[in-house]
């Protein structure tokens, strides 16, 4: 009889250990999957926010090209660009709510800093009488540095490797690419 009770206790203990192990494995798996889903949502929110802000910056650069042709090879008239900037600002505002909800405090702070630096570019909407080319260039460089800081903080928060520094003006549409004649 003692052997029978030992066997039953062995089955019960084995079942409890198996159940406990299964529960722990499934719980860990569920947490990992949930974390991956949230991380994907965070990335989507940050990318959408960055895209809207980047397009505002591009529109300001394109408007500046209508006043100073060396600024861009793709200028746009101010009255057209202003409409685009307003639409991208509306989009940025919507996307920023997601950033506030999903991102950490450092990313949010860097997002705000980049946003403010891009808003400083909006002065170009009022024409060259409101800002000099040199001052616009300085603001543009600051916006680019703020963008890089934002991306670095995002990469840090996501546990990704930081990218090496790149020149702030690195586009064929950029005056820095033009050869000094």
N, C-alpha and C. Protein backbone atom coordinates (compact mmCIF):
# COMPACT_ATOMS: atom_id res chain seq x y z
N UNK A 1 0.81 -1.18 0.00
CA UNK A 1 0.00 0.00 0.00
C UNK A 1 0.86 1.26 0.00
N UNK A 2 2.00 1.19 0.71
CA UNK A 2 2.89 2.34 0.76
C UNK A 2 3.44 2.68 -0.60
N UNK A 3 3.70 1.63 -1.42
CA UNK A 3 4.20 1.88 -2.77
C UNK A 3 3.16 2.56 -3.64
N UNK A 4 1.90 2.18 -3.40
CA UNK A 4 0.80 2.77 -4.16
C UNK A 4 0.64 4.25 -3.83
N UNK A 5 0.71 4.61 -2.56
CA UNK A 5 0.59 6.01 -2.13
C UNK A 5 1.78 6.81 -2.64
N UNK A 6 2.96 6.21 -2.61
CA UNK A 6 4.16 6.89 -3.15
C UNK A 6 4.01 7.18 -4.63
N UNK A 7 3.45 6.21 -5.36
CA UNK A 7 3.25 6.39 -6.80
C UNK A 7 2.25 7.51 -7.07
N UNK A 8 1.16 7.54 -6.29
CA UNK A 8 0.15 8.58 -6.47
C UNK A 8 0.74 9.95 -6.12
N UNK A 9 1.49 10.03 -5.04
CA UNK A 9 2.13 11.29 -4.68
C UNK A 9 3.12 11.73 -5.77
N UNK A 10 3.82 10.76 -6.34
CA UNK A 10 4.76 11.07 -7.43
C UNK A 10 4.05 11.64 -8.63
N UNK A 11 2.91 11.07 -8.99
CA UNK A 11 2.12 11.55 -10.13
C UNK A 11 1.60 12.95 -9.83
N UNK A 12 1.09 13.16 -8.61
CA UNK A 12 0.55 14.47 -8.23
C UNK A 12 1.66 15.52 -8.25
N UNK A 13 2.78 15.23 -7.64
CA UNK A 13 3.91 16.18 -7.61
C UNK A 13 4.40 16.44 -9.03
N UNK A 14 4.53 15.40 -9.82
CA UNK A 14 4.97 15.56 -11.22
C UNK A 14 4.01 16.41 -12.01
N UNK A 15 2.72 16.19 -11.79
CA UNK A 15 1.69 16.99 -12.48
C UNK A 15 1.76 18.45 -12.08
N UNK A 16 1.93 18.70 -10.77
CA UNK A 16 2.02 20.08 -10.29
C UNK A 16 3.27 20.78 -10.82
N UNK A 17 4.39 20.07 -10.87
CA UNK A 17 5.62 20.65 -11.41
C UNK A 17 5.44 20.95 -12.89
N UNK A 18 4.85 20.02 -13.62
CA UNK A 18 4.61 20.24 -15.05
C UNK A 18 3.66 21.42 -15.27
N UNK A 19 2.59 21.47 -14.48
CA UNK A 19 1.64 22.58 -14.59
C UNK A 19 2.33 23.91 -14.28
N UNK A 20 3.08 23.95 -13.20
CA UNK A 20 3.79 25.18 -12.81
C UNK A 20 4.78 25.62 -13.89
N UNK A 21 5.52 24.68 -14.42
CA UNK A 21 6.50 25.00 -15.47
C UNK A 21 5.80 25.51 -16.73
N UNK A 22 4.71 24.86 -17.10
CA UNK A 22 3.95 25.27 -18.28
C UNK A 22 3.39 26.68 -18.10
N UNK A 23 2.84 26.95 -16.92
CA UNK A 23 2.29 28.28 -16.63
C UNK A 23 3.40 29.33 -16.73
N UNK A 24 4.56 29.07 -16.15
CA UNK A 24 5.67 30.02 -16.21
C UNK A 24 6.15 30.25 -17.64
N UNK A 25 6.27 29.18 -18.40
CA UNK A 25 6.72 29.30 -19.80
C UNK A 25 5.71 30.10 -20.62
N UNK A 26 4.43 29.80 -20.47
CA UNK A 26 3.39 30.52 -21.22
C UNK A 26 3.30 31.98 -20.80
N UNK A 27 3.46 32.23 -19.51
CA UNK A 27 3.43 33.61 -19.02
C UNK A 27 4.60 34.41 -19.59
N UNK A 28 5.78 33.81 -19.58
CA UNK A 28 6.96 34.47 -20.14
C UNK A 28 6.78 34.72 -21.63
N UNK A 29 6.25 33.73 -22.33
CA UNK A 29 6.00 33.86 -23.77
C UNK A 29 4.99 34.98 -24.04
N UNK A 30 3.91 35.03 -23.27
CA UNK A 30 2.89 36.06 -23.45
C UNK A 30 3.48 37.44 -23.20
N UNK A 31 4.27 37.60 -22.13
CA UNK A 31 4.90 38.89 -21.83
C UNK A 31 5.83 39.32 -22.96
N UNK A 32 6.61 38.39 -23.48
CA UNK A 32 7.53 38.70 -24.57
C UNK A 32 6.75 39.15 -25.81
N UNK A 33 5.68 38.44 -26.15
CA UNK A 33 4.86 38.80 -27.31
C UNK A 33 4.17 40.15 -27.10
N UNK A 34 3.67 40.38 -25.90
CA UNK A 34 3.01 41.67 -25.61
C UNK A 34 4.03 42.80 -25.70
N UNK A 35 5.22 42.55 -25.19
CA UNK A 35 6.27 43.56 -25.25
C UNK A 35 6.63 43.88 -26.70
N UNK A 36 6.72 42.85 -27.53
CA UNK A 36 7.04 43.05 -28.95
C UNK A 36 5.94 43.84 -29.65
N UNK A 37 4.68 43.55 -29.31
CA UNK A 37 3.56 44.30 -29.91
C UNK A 37 3.63 45.77 -29.52
N UNK A 38 3.88 46.05 -28.24
CA UNK A 38 3.97 47.43 -27.78
C UNK A 38 5.17 48.13 -28.40
N UNK A 39 6.28 47.42 -28.48
CA UNK A 39 7.46 48.03 -29.08
C UNK A 39 7.17 48.41 -30.53
N UNK A 40 6.45 47.56 -31.24
CA UNK A 40 6.06 47.86 -32.61
C UNK A 40 5.18 49.10 -32.70
N UNK A 41 4.27 49.23 -31.75
CA UNK A 41 3.41 50.41 -31.72
C UNK A 41 4.20 51.68 -31.42
N UNK A 42 5.16 51.55 -30.51
CA UNK A 42 6.01 52.70 -30.18
C UNK A 42 6.78 53.14 -31.42
N UNK A 43 7.38 52.19 -32.11
CA UNK A 43 8.15 52.51 -33.32
C UNK A 43 7.26 53.17 -34.36
N UNK A 44 6.07 52.62 -34.58
CA UNK A 44 5.15 53.22 -35.55
C UNK A 44 4.79 54.66 -35.18
N UNK A 45 4.52 54.89 -33.91
CA UNK A 45 4.17 56.24 -33.45
C UNK A 45 5.34 57.21 -33.65
N UNK A 46 6.53 56.78 -33.31
CA UNK A 46 7.71 57.64 -33.43
C UNK A 46 8.04 57.93 -34.89
N UNK A 47 7.88 56.94 -35.74
CA UNK A 47 8.15 57.13 -37.17
C UNK A 47 7.14 58.10 -37.78
N UNK A 48 5.86 57.95 -37.43
CA UNK A 48 4.83 58.84 -37.96
C UNK A 48 5.06 60.27 -37.49
N UNK A 49 5.42 60.43 -36.23
CA UNK A 49 5.71 61.76 -35.68
C UNK A 49 6.91 62.38 -36.42
N UNK A 50 7.96 61.61 -36.55
CA UNK A 50 9.18 62.11 -37.20
C UNK A 50 8.90 62.48 -38.66
N UNK A 51 8.10 61.69 -39.34
CA UNK A 51 7.80 61.97 -40.75
C UNK A 51 7.05 63.30 -40.90
N UNK A 52 6.09 63.55 -40.03
CA UNK A 52 5.33 64.81 -40.10
C UNK A 52 6.23 66.00 -39.81
N UNK A 53 7.11 65.85 -38.84
CA UNK A 53 8.02 66.94 -38.50
C UNK A 53 9.06 67.15 -39.60
N UNK A 54 9.55 66.06 -40.16
CA UNK A 54 10.52 66.15 -41.25
C UNK A 54 9.90 66.86 -42.45
N UNK A 55 8.65 66.58 -42.75
CA UNK A 55 8.01 67.23 -43.90
C UNK A 55 7.80 68.72 -43.66
N UNK A 56 7.54 69.11 -42.41
CA UNK A 56 7.46 70.55 -42.12
C UNK A 56 8.80 71.21 -42.41
N UNK A 57 9.84 70.57 -41.96
CA UNK A 57 11.20 71.08 -42.18
C UNK A 57 11.50 71.19 -43.68
N UNK A 58 11.13 70.14 -44.42
CA UNK A 58 11.36 70.13 -45.88
C UNK A 58 10.57 71.26 -46.56
N UNK A 59 9.33 71.48 -46.13
CA UNK A 59 8.53 72.55 -46.73
C UNK A 59 9.17 73.91 -46.47
N UNK A 60 9.67 74.10 -45.26
CA UNK A 60 10.35 75.36 -44.95
C UNK A 60 11.59 75.54 -45.83
N UNK A 61 12.33 74.46 -46.01
CA UNK A 61 13.51 74.52 -46.88
C UNK A 61 13.09 74.83 -48.32
N UNK A 62 12.03 74.20 -48.78
CA UNK A 62 11.56 74.45 -50.14
C UNK A 62 11.08 75.89 -50.31
N UNK A 63 10.40 76.44 -49.29
CA UNK A 63 9.98 77.84 -49.36
C UNK A 63 11.22 78.73 -49.42
N UNK A 64 12.22 78.41 -48.61
CA UNK A 64 13.45 79.23 -48.63
C UNK A 64 14.08 79.21 -50.02
N UNK A 65 13.92 78.11 -50.74
CA UNK A 65 14.46 78.01 -52.10
C UNK A 65 13.79 78.97 -53.07
N UNK A 66 12.58 79.39 -52.76
CA UNK A 66 11.92 80.37 -53.63
C UNK A 66 12.51 81.76 -53.42
N UNK A 67 13.19 81.98 -52.29
CA UNK A 67 13.84 83.27 -52.02
C UNK A 67 15.35 83.22 -52.30
N UNK A 68 15.95 82.08 -51.96
CA UNK A 68 17.40 81.91 -52.15
C UNK A 68 17.60 80.62 -52.94
N UNK A 69 17.76 80.73 -54.25
CA UNK A 69 17.81 79.55 -55.12
C UNK A 69 18.87 78.50 -54.76
N UNK A 70 19.92 78.89 -54.06
CA UNK A 70 20.95 77.91 -53.72
C UNK A 70 20.53 77.00 -52.57
N UNK A 71 19.40 77.26 -51.94
CA UNK A 71 18.97 76.46 -50.78
C UNK A 71 18.47 75.07 -51.16
N UNK A 72 17.80 74.97 -52.31
CA UNK A 72 17.25 73.68 -52.71
C UNK A 72 17.01 73.68 -54.22
N UNK A 73 17.02 72.49 -54.78
CA UNK A 73 16.72 72.38 -56.21
C UNK A 73 15.23 72.14 -56.43
N UNK A 74 14.45 72.16 -55.35
CA UNK A 74 13.03 71.87 -55.44
C UNK A 74 12.21 72.93 -54.69
N UNK A 75 12.29 74.21 -55.12
CA UNK A 75 11.59 75.26 -54.39
C UNK A 75 10.07 75.17 -54.55
N UNK A 76 9.38 75.81 -53.62
CA UNK A 76 7.93 75.90 -53.67
C UNK A 76 7.55 77.31 -53.26
N UNK A 77 6.53 77.85 -53.90
CA UNK A 77 6.08 79.20 -53.54
C UNK A 77 5.55 79.20 -52.11
N UNK A 78 5.79 80.29 -51.41
CA UNK A 78 5.41 80.38 -50.00
C UNK A 78 3.92 80.10 -49.80
N UNK A 79 3.06 80.65 -50.66
CA UNK A 79 1.62 80.45 -50.46
C UNK A 79 1.21 78.98 -50.60
N UNK A 80 1.96 78.20 -51.38
CA UNK A 80 1.68 76.77 -51.48
C UNK A 80 2.27 76.03 -50.28
N UNK A 81 3.49 76.40 -49.91
CA UNK A 81 4.18 75.74 -48.81
C UNK A 81 3.50 75.93 -47.47
N UNK A 82 2.90 77.09 -47.26
CA UNK A 82 2.22 77.39 -46.00
C UNK A 82 1.07 76.40 -45.77
N UNK A 83 0.36 76.08 -46.82
CA UNK A 83 -0.75 75.12 -46.72
C UNK A 83 -0.21 73.75 -46.32
N UNK A 84 0.87 73.34 -46.97
CA UNK A 84 1.50 72.04 -46.66
C UNK A 84 1.98 72.00 -45.21
N UNK A 85 2.64 73.08 -44.78
CA UNK A 85 3.16 73.14 -43.41
C UNK A 85 2.02 72.98 -42.41
N UNK A 86 0.90 73.66 -42.65
CA UNK A 86 -0.25 73.57 -41.74
C UNK A 86 -0.78 72.14 -41.67
N UNK A 87 -0.85 71.47 -42.81
CA UNK A 87 -1.33 70.09 -42.83
C UNK A 87 -0.37 69.16 -42.07
N UNK A 88 0.93 69.35 -42.28
CA UNK A 88 1.91 68.53 -41.57
C UNK A 88 1.92 68.85 -40.08
N UNK A 89 1.65 70.09 -39.72
CA UNK A 89 1.58 70.45 -38.30
C UNK A 89 0.38 69.77 -37.64
N UNK A 90 -0.75 69.73 -38.34
CA UNK A 90 -1.90 69.01 -37.81
C UNK A 90 -1.57 67.53 -37.58
N UNK A 91 -0.91 66.94 -38.56
CA UNK A 91 -0.51 65.53 -38.45
C UNK A 91 0.48 65.33 -37.30
N UNK A 92 1.44 66.23 -37.19
CA UNK A 92 2.43 66.14 -36.11
C UNK A 92 1.76 66.18 -34.75
N UNK A 93 0.79 67.07 -34.61
CA UNK A 93 0.08 67.23 -33.35
C UNK A 93 -0.64 65.94 -32.96
N UNK A 94 -1.28 65.31 -33.91
CA UNK A 94 -1.97 64.04 -33.66
C UNK A 94 -0.96 62.97 -33.26
N UNK A 95 0.12 62.88 -34.01
CA UNK A 95 1.12 61.85 -33.75
C UNK A 95 1.84 62.08 -32.42
N UNK A 96 1.97 63.34 -32.02
CA UNK A 96 2.66 63.64 -30.76
C UNK A 96 1.91 63.07 -29.57
N UNK A 97 0.59 62.99 -29.67
CA UNK A 97 -0.19 62.39 -28.58
C UNK A 97 0.23 60.94 -28.36
N UNK A 98 0.49 60.22 -29.44
CA UNK A 98 0.95 58.84 -29.33
C UNK A 98 2.34 58.79 -28.71
N UNK A 99 3.19 59.72 -29.10
CA UNK A 99 4.53 59.80 -28.52
C UNK A 99 4.44 60.03 -27.02
N UNK A 100 3.58 60.96 -26.62
CA UNK A 100 3.39 61.23 -25.19
C UNK A 100 2.92 59.99 -24.43
N UNK A 101 2.07 59.22 -25.06
CA UNK A 101 1.52 58.03 -24.41
C UNK A 101 2.51 56.89 -24.34
N UNK A 102 3.29 56.69 -25.39
CA UNK A 102 4.08 55.47 -25.51
C UNK A 102 5.58 55.61 -25.25
N UNK A 103 6.13 56.80 -25.42
CA UNK A 103 7.58 56.95 -25.32
C UNK A 103 8.00 57.37 -23.91
N UNK A 104 9.27 57.15 -23.62
CA UNK A 104 9.82 57.52 -22.33
C UNK A 104 10.10 59.01 -22.25
N UNK A 105 10.40 59.51 -21.05
CA UNK A 105 10.57 60.96 -20.83
C UNK A 105 11.70 61.58 -21.66
N UNK A 106 12.80 60.86 -21.85
CA UNK A 106 13.90 61.44 -22.63
C UNK A 106 13.49 61.60 -24.09
N UNK A 107 12.82 60.61 -24.65
CA UNK A 107 12.37 60.68 -26.05
C UNK A 107 11.36 61.82 -26.20
N UNK A 108 10.45 61.95 -25.26
CA UNK A 108 9.46 63.02 -25.32
C UNK A 108 10.15 64.38 -25.27
N UNK A 109 11.14 64.52 -24.40
CA UNK A 109 11.88 65.79 -24.30
C UNK A 109 12.61 66.11 -25.61
N UNK A 110 13.23 65.11 -26.20
CA UNK A 110 13.94 65.31 -27.48
C UNK A 110 12.95 65.60 -28.60
N UNK A 111 11.78 64.97 -28.56
CA UNK A 111 10.74 65.23 -29.57
C UNK A 111 10.29 66.69 -29.49
N UNK A 112 10.09 67.16 -28.26
CA UNK A 112 9.68 68.56 -28.08
C UNK A 112 10.75 69.52 -28.57
N UNK A 113 12.00 69.20 -28.28
CA UNK A 113 13.10 70.08 -28.69
C UNK A 113 13.18 70.16 -30.22
N UNK A 114 13.05 69.01 -30.87
CA UNK A 114 13.07 69.00 -32.34
C UNK A 114 11.88 69.78 -32.88
N UNK A 115 10.72 69.58 -32.29
CA UNK A 115 9.51 70.27 -32.71
C UNK A 115 9.69 71.79 -32.61
N UNK A 116 10.24 72.26 -31.51
CA UNK A 116 10.45 73.70 -31.33
C UNK A 116 11.46 74.24 -32.35
N UNK A 117 12.49 73.46 -32.65
CA UNK A 117 13.48 73.92 -33.63
C UNK A 117 12.87 74.00 -35.03
N UNK A 118 11.95 73.10 -35.34
CA UNK A 118 11.27 73.17 -36.65
C UNK A 118 10.30 74.34 -36.67
N UNK A 119 9.62 74.58 -35.57
CA UNK A 119 8.73 75.74 -35.52
C UNK A 119 9.51 77.02 -35.78
N UNK A 120 10.76 77.08 -35.35
CA UNK A 120 11.59 78.27 -35.59
C UNK A 120 11.84 78.47 -37.09
N UNK A 121 11.75 77.40 -37.87
CA UNK A 121 11.92 77.50 -39.33
C UNK A 121 10.69 78.12 -39.99
N UNK A 122 9.57 78.05 -39.34
CA UNK A 122 8.31 78.56 -39.92
C UNK A 122 8.39 80.06 -40.23
N UNK A 123 9.34 80.75 -39.64
CA UNK A 123 9.50 82.18 -39.91
C UNK A 123 9.64 82.45 -41.40
N UNK A 124 10.17 81.49 -42.14
CA UNK A 124 10.39 81.68 -43.58
C UNK A 124 9.07 81.91 -44.31
N UNK A 125 7.96 81.52 -43.71
CA UNK A 125 6.65 81.73 -44.33
C UNK A 125 6.37 83.20 -44.58
N UNK A 126 6.99 84.06 -43.76
CA UNK A 126 6.77 85.51 -43.89
C UNK A 126 7.75 86.17 -44.85
N UNK A 127 8.59 85.38 -45.46
CA UNK A 127 9.51 85.91 -46.46
C UNK A 127 10.86 86.30 -45.90
N UNK A 128 11.79 86.64 -46.80
CA UNK A 128 13.15 86.94 -46.38
C UNK A 128 13.28 88.23 -45.57
N UNK A 129 12.24 89.02 -45.54
CA UNK A 129 12.31 90.22 -44.70
C UNK A 129 12.20 89.85 -43.22
N UNK A 130 11.70 88.64 -42.93
CA UNK A 130 11.52 88.21 -41.55
C UNK A 130 12.72 87.43 -41.00
N UNK A 131 13.60 86.96 -41.90
CA UNK A 131 14.76 86.18 -41.48
C UNK A 131 15.82 86.23 -42.58
N UNK A 132 17.07 86.34 -42.17
CA UNK A 132 18.15 86.36 -43.15
C UNK A 132 18.50 84.92 -43.55
N UNK A 133 19.17 84.78 -44.67
CA UNK A 133 19.59 83.46 -45.13
C UNK A 133 20.51 82.82 -44.09
N UNK A 134 21.43 83.60 -43.52
CA UNK A 134 22.35 83.04 -42.51
C UNK A 134 21.60 82.55 -41.29
N UNK A 135 20.63 83.34 -40.82
CA UNK A 135 19.86 82.92 -39.65
C UNK A 135 19.00 81.68 -39.97
N UNK A 136 18.45 81.64 -41.17
CA UNK A 136 17.67 80.46 -41.56
C UNK A 136 18.57 79.23 -41.59
N UNK A 137 19.77 79.39 -42.16
CA UNK A 137 20.74 78.29 -42.19
C UNK A 137 21.05 77.79 -40.79
N UNK A 138 21.26 78.71 -39.85
CA UNK A 138 21.55 78.32 -38.46
C UNK A 138 20.38 77.56 -37.85
N UNK A 139 19.18 78.02 -38.11
CA UNK A 139 18.00 77.34 -37.57
C UNK A 139 17.83 75.96 -38.21
N UNK A 140 18.14 75.89 -39.49
CA UNK A 140 18.04 74.62 -40.19
C UNK A 140 19.06 73.62 -39.62
N UNK A 141 20.27 74.08 -39.38
CA UNK A 141 21.28 73.20 -38.78
C UNK A 141 20.86 72.77 -37.38
N UNK A 142 20.28 73.68 -36.60
CA UNK A 142 19.83 73.32 -35.26
C UNK A 142 18.72 72.26 -35.34
N UNK A 143 17.79 72.44 -36.27
CA UNK A 143 16.72 71.46 -36.43
C UNK A 143 17.29 70.10 -36.79
N UNK A 144 18.29 70.08 -37.62
CA UNK A 144 18.92 68.80 -38.00
C UNK A 144 19.63 68.15 -36.82
N UNK A 145 20.30 68.95 -36.01
CA UNK A 145 20.96 68.41 -34.81
C UNK A 145 19.91 67.86 -33.84
N UNK A 146 18.83 68.59 -33.67
CA UNK A 146 17.74 68.13 -32.79
C UNK A 146 17.13 66.84 -33.31
N UNK A 147 17.00 66.73 -34.62
CA UNK A 147 16.49 65.49 -35.22
C UNK A 147 17.42 64.34 -34.87
N UNK A 148 18.73 64.54 -35.05
CA UNK A 148 19.71 63.49 -34.74
C UNK A 148 19.64 63.10 -33.27
N UNK A 149 19.49 64.08 -32.38
CA UNK A 149 19.38 63.80 -30.94
C UNK A 149 18.11 62.99 -30.64
N UNK A 150 17.03 63.33 -31.32
CA UNK A 150 15.78 62.59 -31.15
C UNK A 150 15.98 61.14 -31.56
N UNK A 151 16.56 60.92 -32.74
CA UNK A 151 16.76 59.55 -33.21
C UNK A 151 17.70 58.78 -32.29
N UNK A 152 18.72 59.42 -31.78
CA UNK A 152 19.62 58.73 -30.86
C UNK A 152 18.92 58.35 -29.57
N UNK A 153 18.06 59.23 -29.06
CA UNK A 153 17.33 58.89 -27.83
C UNK A 153 16.35 57.75 -28.09
N UNK A 154 15.74 57.73 -29.26
CA UNK A 154 14.83 56.63 -29.63
C UNK A 154 15.62 55.32 -29.70
N UNK A 155 16.75 55.36 -30.36
CA UNK A 155 17.56 54.15 -30.50
C UNK A 155 18.00 53.64 -29.12
N UNK A 156 18.38 54.55 -28.24
CA UNK A 156 18.77 54.16 -26.88
C UNK A 156 17.59 53.52 -26.16
N UNK A 157 16.42 54.14 -26.24
CA UNK A 157 15.24 53.61 -25.56
C UNK A 157 14.86 52.22 -26.08
N UNK A 158 15.07 52.01 -27.38
CA UNK A 158 14.73 50.71 -27.98
C UNK A 158 15.84 49.68 -27.82
N UNK A 159 16.97 50.11 -27.25
CA UNK A 159 18.08 49.19 -27.05
C UNK A 159 18.85 48.90 -28.33
N UNK A 160 18.81 49.84 -29.26
CA UNK A 160 19.53 49.67 -30.53
C UNK A 160 20.86 50.40 -30.47
N UNK A 161 21.76 49.97 -31.31
CA UNK A 161 23.07 50.60 -31.38
C UNK A 161 22.95 52.01 -31.95
N UNK A 162 23.68 52.95 -31.37
CA UNK A 162 23.67 54.32 -31.88
C UNK A 162 24.41 54.37 -33.21
N UNK A 163 23.95 55.23 -34.08
CA UNK A 163 24.61 55.39 -35.37
C UNK A 163 25.76 56.37 -35.23
N UNK A 164 26.80 56.21 -36.03
CA UNK A 164 27.88 57.20 -35.98
C UNK A 164 27.38 58.54 -36.47
N UNK A 165 28.01 59.59 -36.01
CA UNK A 165 27.60 60.93 -36.42
C UNK A 165 27.74 61.08 -37.93
N UNK A 166 26.78 61.80 -38.50
CA UNK A 166 26.81 62.09 -39.92
C UNK A 166 26.72 63.59 -40.09
N UNK A 167 27.18 64.10 -41.20
CA UNK A 167 27.04 65.54 -41.43
C UNK A 167 25.56 65.92 -41.41
N UNK A 168 25.26 67.10 -40.90
CA UNK A 168 23.86 67.50 -40.82
C UNK A 168 23.27 67.76 -42.19
N UNK A 169 24.08 68.11 -43.15
CA UNK A 169 23.56 68.33 -44.50
C UNK A 169 24.12 67.23 -45.40
N UNK A 170 23.32 66.22 -45.64
CA UNK A 170 23.80 65.08 -46.40
C UNK A 170 22.80 64.65 -47.45
N UNK A 171 22.46 65.56 -48.33
CA UNK A 171 21.48 65.27 -49.37
C UNK A 171 21.94 65.89 -50.68
N UNK A 172 21.71 65.21 -51.81
CA UNK A 172 22.07 65.80 -53.09
C UNK A 172 21.31 67.10 -53.35
N UNK A 173 20.21 67.31 -52.63
CA UNK A 173 19.41 68.53 -52.76
C UNK A 173 19.96 69.64 -51.87
N UNK A 174 21.11 69.41 -51.29
CA UNK A 174 21.69 70.27 -50.29
C UNK A 174 22.80 71.13 -50.89
N UNK A 175 22.84 72.40 -50.57
CA UNK A 175 23.89 73.26 -51.12
C UNK A 175 25.30 72.77 -50.81
N UNK A 176 25.47 72.05 -49.72
CA UNK A 176 26.80 71.54 -49.37
C UNK A 176 27.32 70.57 -50.42
N UNK A 177 26.42 69.99 -51.21
CA UNK A 177 26.83 69.05 -52.24
C UNK A 177 27.26 69.77 -53.52
N UNK A 178 26.87 71.02 -53.64
CA UNK A 178 27.22 71.78 -54.85
C UNK A 178 28.70 72.09 -54.83
N UNK A 179 29.34 71.96 -55.95
CA UNK A 179 30.78 72.25 -55.98
C UNK A 179 30.99 73.76 -55.97
N UNK A 180 31.98 74.21 -55.21
CA UNK A 180 32.26 75.66 -55.19
C UNK A 180 32.87 76.08 -56.52
N UNK A 181 32.12 76.81 -57.30
CA UNK A 181 32.59 77.20 -58.65
C UNK A 181 33.46 78.41 -58.62
